Protein backbone atom coordinates (compact mmCIF):
# COMPACT_ATOMS: atom_id res chain seq x y z
CA MET A 1 72.60 149.99 -17.89
CA ALA A 2 73.22 153.88 -18.06
CA GLY A 3 70.02 156.02 -18.32
CA GLU A 4 68.08 153.17 -17.41
CA THR A 5 65.81 152.29 -14.50
CA CYS A 6 67.67 149.12 -12.98
CA PRO A 7 65.59 147.18 -9.99
CA TYR A 8 67.33 147.29 -6.68
CA PRO A 9 68.67 145.88 -4.11
CA PHE A 10 70.91 143.98 -6.04
CA LEU A 11 71.38 140.32 -5.70
CA LYS A 12 74.45 138.73 -4.57
CA ALA A 13 75.02 135.27 -3.65
CA ASP A 14 78.15 135.61 -1.00
CA PRO A 15 76.67 138.02 2.00
CA MET A 16 80.22 139.20 2.58
CA ALA A 17 80.74 140.31 -0.96
CA MET A 18 79.44 143.97 -2.48
CA PRO A 19 77.32 143.72 -5.71
CA GLU A 20 79.40 143.43 -8.53
CA GLU A 21 76.80 146.14 -10.28
CA PHE A 22 78.19 149.22 -7.27
CA ALA A 23 81.81 148.98 -9.23
CA TRP A 24 80.20 149.50 -12.64
CA LEU A 25 77.89 152.45 -11.88
CA ARG A 26 80.17 154.37 -10.01
CA ASP A 27 82.30 154.60 -13.01
CA HIS A 28 79.47 154.78 -15.96
CA ASP A 29 75.90 156.06 -13.97
CA PRO A 30 76.98 157.16 -10.35
CA VAL A 31 73.60 158.71 -9.74
CA CYS A 32 70.92 156.48 -11.01
CA PRO A 33 67.23 155.85 -10.92
CA VAL A 34 66.69 152.23 -9.70
CA THR A 35 62.99 150.62 -9.01
CA LEU A 36 62.85 148.98 -5.51
CA PRO A 37 60.21 146.05 -4.91
CA SER A 38 57.34 147.85 -3.96
CA GLY A 39 57.24 149.10 -7.68
CA ASP A 40 58.55 152.48 -5.93
CA ARG A 41 61.13 154.73 -7.75
CA ALA A 42 64.68 156.02 -6.27
CA TRP A 43 67.74 157.64 -6.55
CA LEU A 44 71.14 155.45 -6.15
CA VAL A 45 74.35 157.30 -5.35
CA THR A 46 77.21 155.10 -5.32
CA ARG A 47 80.58 157.31 -5.59
CA TYR A 48 82.57 158.10 -2.42
CA ARG A 49 82.22 162.39 -3.13
CA ASP A 50 78.56 162.11 -4.25
CA VAL A 51 77.67 159.80 -0.92
CA LYS A 52 79.79 161.97 1.29
CA ALA A 53 77.84 165.23 -0.22
CA VAL A 54 74.77 164.09 0.38
CA LEU A 55 75.28 163.33 3.41
CA SER A 56 76.71 166.00 4.90
CA ASP A 57 74.04 168.16 3.29
CA THR A 58 71.01 168.62 5.29
CA ARG A 59 67.98 169.29 2.77
CA PHE A 60 68.61 165.72 2.34
CA SER A 61 66.17 164.80 4.94
CA ARG A 62 66.43 161.90 7.16
CA ASP A 63 62.64 161.96 8.22
CA LEU A 64 60.90 159.22 5.50
CA ASN A 65 57.72 159.57 7.65
CA ARG A 66 56.21 161.12 4.63
CA PRO A 67 53.12 160.09 2.14
CA ASP A 68 55.41 160.50 -1.15
CA ALA A 69 58.54 158.99 0.33
CA ALA A 70 59.85 155.66 -1.41
CA ARG A 71 59.59 151.85 0.65
CA MET A 72 61.47 149.26 0.10
CA ASN A 73 58.56 146.88 -0.31
CA THR A 74 54.82 147.55 0.37
CA ALA A 75 54.82 146.58 3.89
CA ILE A 76 58.21 147.58 4.76
CA GLY A 77 59.83 151.46 4.95
CA PHE A 78 63.31 151.64 5.03
CA GLY A 79 63.43 152.26 8.92
CA ASN A 80 63.55 155.35 11.57
CA TYR A 81 60.01 156.25 10.49
CA GLY A 82 58.97 158.92 12.96
CA ASN A 83 62.08 160.03 14.55
CA PRO A 84 61.98 163.32 16.00
CA PHE A 85 65.43 163.63 16.13
CA ALA A 86 65.93 163.16 12.30
CA ASP A 87 66.84 166.85 11.22
CA PRO A 88 67.67 170.36 12.39
CA PRO A 89 66.72 172.37 14.06
CA VAL A 90 65.50 169.67 16.27
CA HIS A 91 68.36 166.78 15.98
CA THR A 92 71.05 170.15 16.46
CA ARG A 93 69.32 170.90 19.80
CA TRP A 94 69.42 167.05 20.95
CA ARG A 95 72.68 165.97 19.64
CA GLY A 96 74.37 169.22 21.71
CA LEU A 97 72.64 168.12 24.43
CA VAL A 98 73.82 164.48 24.30
CA ALA A 99 77.33 165.81 22.91
CA LYS A 100 78.03 167.09 26.31
CA ALA A 101 76.85 164.14 28.27
CA PHE A 102 79.07 161.70 25.87
CA THR A 103 82.37 163.27 24.92
CA PRO A 104 85.19 161.43 23.50
CA ARG A 105 87.08 161.85 26.60
CA GLN A 106 84.03 160.33 28.71
CA VAL A 107 83.98 157.12 26.53
CA GLU A 108 88.37 156.63 26.79
CA ARG A 109 87.62 156.87 30.61
CA LEU A 110 85.77 153.66 29.36
CA ARG A 111 89.22 151.63 28.10
CA PRO A 112 90.49 149.84 31.30
CA ARG A 113 86.61 148.41 31.99
CA VAL A 114 86.08 147.71 28.43
CA ARG A 115 89.61 145.67 28.42
CA GLN A 116 88.51 144.17 31.37
CA ILE A 117 85.04 142.45 30.38
CA VAL A 118 87.12 141.43 26.83
CA GLU A 119 89.54 139.58 29.34
CA GLU A 120 86.98 137.93 31.23
CA LEU A 121 84.80 136.78 28.14
CA VAL A 122 88.12 135.40 26.43
CA ASP A 123 88.85 133.69 30.02
CA ARG A 124 85.48 131.72 29.58
CA LEU A 125 85.91 130.98 26.29
CA ILE A 126 89.52 129.59 26.13
CA ALA A 127 88.06 127.96 29.86
CA THR A 128 85.58 125.85 27.42
CA GLY A 129 88.37 125.45 24.60
CA PRO A 130 87.53 125.13 21.60
CA PRO A 131 85.88 125.35 19.27
CA ALA A 132 83.73 128.27 20.26
CA ASP A 133 81.03 130.89 19.29
CA ILE A 134 82.22 134.16 18.93
CA MET A 135 79.43 135.89 18.35
CA GLU A 136 77.61 134.50 21.63
CA GLY A 137 81.45 134.44 23.73
CA LEU A 138 82.08 137.53 22.90
CA ALA A 139 80.66 139.91 19.95
CA PHE A 140 77.57 140.28 20.99
CA PRO A 141 77.91 140.15 24.99
CA LEU A 142 80.53 142.60 24.59
CA PRO A 143 78.35 145.58 23.42
CA ILE A 144 75.59 145.47 25.58
CA THR A 145 77.77 144.80 28.59
CA VAL A 146 79.30 147.80 27.95
CA LEU A 147 76.58 149.84 27.35
CA CYS A 148 74.41 148.34 30.53
CA GLU A 149 77.06 150.12 32.28
CA MET A 150 77.76 152.99 30.77
CA ILE A 151 73.93 154.16 30.74
CA GLY A 152 73.87 152.82 34.34
CA VAL A 153 71.66 149.54 34.64
CA PRO A 154 72.23 148.30 37.62
CA VAL A 155 73.96 144.66 38.05
CA GLU A 156 71.53 143.07 38.94
CA ASP A 157 69.10 144.45 36.25
CA GLN A 158 71.96 143.72 33.40
CA VAL A 159 70.67 140.52 32.56
CA ARG A 160 66.52 141.25 32.27
CA PHE A 161 68.28 144.37 30.61
CA ARG A 162 69.95 142.54 27.98
CA GLY A 163 67.68 139.87 27.32
CA TRP A 164 64.58 142.83 26.59
CA VAL A 165 66.92 144.38 23.75
CA HIS A 166 67.61 141.31 22.32
CA ASP A 167 63.96 140.63 21.83
CA MET A 168 63.42 144.24 20.60
CA LEU A 169 65.98 144.23 17.81
CA SER A 170 65.23 140.70 17.02
CA SER A 171 64.44 139.50 13.89
CA GLU A 172 63.77 135.81 14.87
CA LEU A 173 60.74 136.83 16.71
CA THR A 174 57.14 137.52 15.87
CA SER A 175 56.31 142.26 15.82
CA ASP A 176 54.00 141.32 19.01
CA GLU A 177 56.62 139.46 20.86
CA ARG A 178 59.49 142.43 19.52
CA ALA A 179 56.64 144.70 20.66
CA GLN A 180 56.32 143.31 24.28
CA ALA A 181 59.67 143.68 24.55
CA ALA A 182 59.83 146.68 23.90
CA VAL A 183 57.20 148.03 26.24
CA THR A 184 58.88 146.15 28.82
CA LEU A 185 61.86 148.38 28.25
CA ILE A 186 60.34 151.54 28.35
CA GLU A 187 58.68 150.82 31.40
CA TYR A 188 61.72 149.78 32.99
CA SER A 189 63.66 152.62 31.59
CA LYS A 190 61.19 155.33 32.62
CA ALA A 191 61.59 153.75 36.17
CA LEU A 192 65.31 154.10 36.04
CA THR A 193 64.82 157.57 34.81
CA ASP A 194 62.66 158.56 38.18
CA THR A 195 65.86 156.65 40.36
CA ARG A 196 68.33 159.04 38.33
CA ARG A 197 66.90 162.01 39.14
CA ARG A 198 66.25 161.43 42.93
CA GLU A 199 69.55 159.53 43.15
CA PRO A 200 72.05 161.27 40.56
CA ALA A 201 75.03 158.34 39.95
CA ASP A 202 78.32 159.00 38.02
CA ASP A 203 76.39 157.30 34.75
CA LEU A 204 75.58 158.49 31.33
CA LEU A 205 71.86 158.51 31.98
CA SER A 206 72.35 160.91 35.22
CA ARG A 207 74.63 162.96 32.50
CA LEU A 208 71.88 163.14 30.24
CA ILE A 209 69.53 164.21 32.72
CA GLN A 210 71.31 167.01 34.13
CA VAL A 211 72.77 168.41 30.58
CA ARG A 212 70.92 172.03 29.89
CA ASP A 213 71.21 173.62 26.45
CA GLU A 214 71.96 177.94 25.94
CA ASP A 215 68.25 178.15 26.91
CA ASP A 216 68.15 176.14 30.26
CA GLY A 217 66.27 173.41 28.39
CA ARG A 218 66.76 169.88 29.25
CA LEU A 219 65.78 166.64 27.71
CA ASP A 220 62.30 165.90 28.59
CA ASP A 221 61.50 161.58 29.23
CA ASP A 222 60.35 161.09 25.69
CA GLU A 223 64.11 162.34 24.61
CA LEU A 224 65.94 160.45 26.88
CA PHE A 225 64.18 157.24 26.18
CA ILE A 226 65.12 157.70 22.50
CA THR A 227 68.52 158.81 22.88
CA MET A 228 69.01 155.62 25.22
CA MET A 229 67.41 153.88 22.66
CA THR A 230 69.47 154.90 20.09
CA LEU A 231 72.51 154.19 21.47
CA LEU A 232 71.28 150.50 22.48
CA VAL A 233 70.48 150.02 18.60
CA ALA A 234 73.52 151.68 17.16
CA GLY A 235 75.73 150.40 19.87
CA TYR A 236 74.77 146.63 20.18
CA LYS A 237 73.63 144.68 17.24
CA THR A 238 76.18 147.04 14.73
CA THR A 239 79.03 146.50 16.89
CA ALA A 240 78.49 142.90 17.29
CA ALA A 241 77.79 142.50 13.36
CA GLN A 242 81.09 144.44 12.75
CA LEU A 243 83.25 141.84 14.93
CA GLY A 244 82.00 139.47 13.22
CA LYS A 245 82.04 140.07 9.59
CA GLY A 246 85.73 142.04 10.53
CA LEU A 247 87.14 138.32 11.86
CA LEU A 248 85.18 136.33 8.35
CA THR A 249 87.11 139.06 6.57
CA LEU A 250 90.60 137.98 8.57
CA PHE A 251 89.94 134.49 8.27
CA ARG A 252 89.23 135.16 4.57
CA TYR A 253 92.41 136.78 4.18
CA PRO A 254 95.19 134.82 6.24
CA ASP A 255 98.06 136.91 5.25
CA GLN A 256 96.35 140.04 6.59
CA LEU A 257 95.68 138.34 9.81
CA ALA A 258 99.11 136.86 9.89
CA ALA A 259 100.23 140.46 9.67
CA LEU A 260 98.11 141.53 12.32
CA ALA A 261 99.11 138.65 14.85
CA GLU A 262 102.67 139.41 14.46
CA ASP A 263 102.12 143.25 14.57
CA PRO A 264 100.06 144.66 17.18
CA SER A 265 101.28 148.32 16.22
CA LEU A 266 98.67 147.35 13.05
CA MET A 267 95.83 147.35 15.10
CA ASP A 268 94.32 150.68 14.54
CA SER A 269 94.72 150.61 10.91
CA ALA A 270 93.49 147.22 10.93
CA VAL A 271 90.19 148.04 12.86
CA GLU A 272 89.51 151.19 10.09
CA GLU A 273 90.58 149.08 7.15
CA LEU A 274 87.80 146.15 8.45
CA LEU A 275 84.93 149.26 8.77
CA ARG A 276 85.64 150.29 5.14
CA TYR A 277 85.73 147.07 3.72
CA SER A 278 83.43 144.87 5.98
CA PRO A 279 81.06 147.60 7.15
CA PRO A 280 77.80 145.62 9.04
CA GLY A 281 74.67 145.20 6.86
CA ALA A 282 74.01 143.61 3.55
CA GLY A 283 75.16 147.06 1.61
CA VAL A 284 71.52 147.81 0.69
CA GLY A 285 72.43 151.36 1.71
CA ILE A 286 71.04 154.17 3.81
CA THR A 287 68.01 156.57 2.74
CA ARG A 288 67.38 160.82 2.68
CA TYR A 289 64.29 162.50 1.14
CA ALA A 290 65.13 165.49 -1.17
CA THR A 291 63.14 168.58 0.55
CA GLU A 292 63.88 170.94 -2.64
CA ASP A 293 65.06 169.98 -6.28
CA LEU A 294 69.23 169.27 -5.65
CA GLU A 295 72.43 168.20 -7.89
CA VAL A 296 74.28 165.72 -7.10
CA GLY A 297 77.08 164.53 -9.31
CA GLY A 298 75.99 166.85 -12.43
CA VAL A 299 72.60 165.25 -11.67
CA VAL A 300 69.45 166.86 -10.26
CA ILE A 301 67.78 164.90 -8.02
CA PRO A 302 64.09 166.12 -8.48
CA LYS A 303 62.53 167.84 -4.96
CA GLY A 304 60.26 165.04 -3.31
CA SER A 305 62.67 162.60 -4.39
CA THR A 306 63.86 159.44 -2.14
CA VAL A 307 67.89 158.73 -2.53
CA ILE A 308 69.40 155.67 -1.59
CA VAL A 309 73.02 156.30 -0.26
CA ALA A 310 75.16 153.41 -0.30
CA ARG A 311 77.95 153.83 1.79
CA HIS A 312 79.60 150.42 1.10
CA SER A 313 80.31 151.24 -2.94
CA GLY A 314 81.52 155.14 -1.72
CA ASN A 315 84.17 152.72 0.89
CA ARG A 316 85.07 150.64 -2.14
CA ASP A 317 85.81 153.87 -4.81
CA GLU A 318 89.05 153.62 -6.00
CA GLU A 319 88.84 157.44 -6.84
CA HIS A 320 89.00 158.15 -3.24
CA PHE A 321 91.30 154.56 -1.72
CA PRO A 322 93.45 153.60 -4.28
CA ASP A 323 93.20 149.98 -4.83
CA GLY A 324 89.70 149.81 -2.72
CA GLU A 325 89.09 146.46 -3.31
CA THR A 326 91.75 144.96 -1.91
CA PHE A 327 91.79 144.40 2.08
CA ASP A 328 94.84 145.85 3.59
CA VAL A 329 95.73 146.08 7.16
CA ARG A 330 98.33 148.95 6.27
CA ARG A 331 95.99 150.82 4.81
CA PRO A 332 97.06 154.70 5.77
CA THR A 333 94.05 155.83 8.68
CA SER A 334 94.13 159.23 6.95
CA ASN A 335 91.93 157.61 4.24
CA GLN A 336 88.49 158.39 5.48
CA HIS A 337 85.90 155.76 5.05
CA LEU A 338 82.00 156.12 5.63
CA THR A 339 80.67 153.71 7.68
CA PHE A 340 79.33 155.95 11.01
CA GLY A 341 78.02 158.57 8.05
CA ALA A 342 79.50 161.93 7.51
CA GLY A 343 78.45 165.64 8.58
CA PRO A 344 75.90 166.67 10.97
CA ALA A 345 74.83 162.65 11.51
CA PHE A 346 78.27 161.69 11.77
CA CYS A 347 77.66 158.88 14.48
CA PHE A 348 79.10 159.56 17.76
CA GLY A 349 79.23 156.31 19.27
CA ALA A 350 81.99 155.76 16.53
CA PRO A 351 85.19 156.01 19.65
CA LEU A 352 83.49 153.71 21.67
CA ALA A 353 82.54 151.31 18.32
CA ARG A 354 86.35 151.29 17.77
CA MET A 355 87.24 150.93 21.06
CA GLU A 356 85.45 148.01 21.61
CA MET A 357 86.78 146.26 18.46
CA ALA A 358 90.25 147.02 18.57
CA ILE A 359 90.26 145.86 22.22
CA ALA A 360 88.30 142.72 21.41
CA LEU A 361 90.88 141.42 18.21
CA GLU A 362 93.61 142.47 19.79
CA VAL A 363 92.86 140.31 22.94
CA LEU A 364 91.87 137.75 21.03
CA LEU A 365 94.71 137.40 18.52
CA ARG A 366 96.97 137.47 22.14
CA ARG A 367 95.31 134.85 23.81
CA ALA A 368 93.96 132.22 21.05
CA PRO A 369 96.99 132.05 19.25
CA GLN A 370 96.37 130.43 15.25
CA LEU A 371 92.94 131.62 16.04
CA ARG A 372 90.92 130.08 12.84
CA LEU A 373 87.28 129.82 11.37
CA ALA A 374 86.32 125.94 12.58
CA VAL A 375 83.37 124.97 9.64
CA PRO A 376 83.78 125.94 6.12
CA GLU A 377 82.97 129.54 5.62
CA ASP A 378 79.82 128.47 3.24
CA GLU A 379 78.29 126.75 6.44
CA VAL A 380 78.78 130.30 8.63
CA PRO A 381 75.03 131.30 8.82
CA TRP A 382 73.49 134.88 8.55
CA THR A 383 70.87 136.84 9.99
CA SER A 384 68.51 137.66 6.97
CA ASP A 385 68.50 141.71 8.70
CA THR A 386 69.61 143.41 5.91
CA ALA A 387 70.16 146.57 8.09
CA ALA A 388 72.89 145.05 10.43
CA GLN A 389 73.31 141.73 8.86
CA ALA A 390 75.42 139.87 10.74
CA PRO A 391 77.09 136.26 10.68
CA GLU A 392 74.95 134.71 13.77
CA ALA A 393 77.49 132.23 14.74
CA VAL A 394 80.95 132.49 14.19
CA VAL A 395 82.97 128.97 15.43
CA VAL A 396 86.45 129.48 15.94
CA ALA A 397 89.80 127.13 16.66
CA TRP A 398 93.24 127.41 18.28
CA GLU A 399 95.68 126.14 19.53
CA PRO A 400 94.81 124.76 23.19
CA GLU A 401 97.80 124.14 24.20
CA MET A 402 99.53 127.91 23.26
CA ALA A 403 96.17 129.55 24.82
CA ILE A 404 96.82 131.98 27.29
CA ILE A 405 95.05 131.29 30.26
CA GLY A 406 93.97 133.87 32.50
CA HIS A 407 95.38 137.87 32.21
CA ALA A 408 96.56 140.30 34.38
């Protein structure tokens, strides 16, 4: 394979597994040319240190709205086309403004409410009794409920708002149906923005409206809307996917599940290990565009090339993660995974995603003893969305007579 152009993406029968080719490439051809289904050529980067270097170097542009950028197939690109916040200096200004309104301290203030939402959702699951679908009952409603409350969507509008977001991001609807949901969401969001300008509240949208940069500049209406969409896309489906894949990973390794259930102090390390070992998506990778000739891992990437950054592969690199193909909830959290990215575009929603996942797992394991998958793993249905590939349903069971009814 070394020195050759191989077809990409790699096929795999198991949606939970990494493509076998990644391990070989990390050792023998870590920066290699690949041919996409469209016939376009790209470069695939698979080693941890090289993935991190590309993600941290702003000369590898995030803006793929270029005529010479590679496409996955003849009809579909890699996504994020036309993102106005893709690169500095626009990205730097936008991120600086958003960071003032969306600080880790403000996210931490949400912890009691996130726990309350999780407890209430688990109440319903236990009241209904096993079997229960964790995706429908917890993984999807948790992040969208938190985001609605954080943004400032009034309670009476939250059901409709969730529906529009769901339809806009659905891979099961037609493009026209998704577009109509997006138009409705835009109209609603702009009306809500007008309301918050007149009547500020203690919510993220009000803070985003009020923040200024050093030149006294503010986010305009389009920037506010795109910011909200960024939060919804990154914080809704990917968080749900992560929780679903995380549970399936724990079910696949019952010794690790038992260790976590017996020792909740392992939760932080377990969440980081789940993010490393089973991140959302099918592992195809994210993309960058080389704005000049750039060297990666001893290979010169020519200007104008598209680079596919395989974060999933980097997360298994045994040069950085000893015994990286092994899932271990006791793995030290100091080993930084790449699931949230690296460098200037590191996901600013990471603290919220970590919090939601940790609380959801802690409450589930505490209140639903002997939690287990209720169907054979090969019968779990999966979405076709490669960007945020997730199980469509994770049907679980537990011991009803041992379940903890109600919460403090």
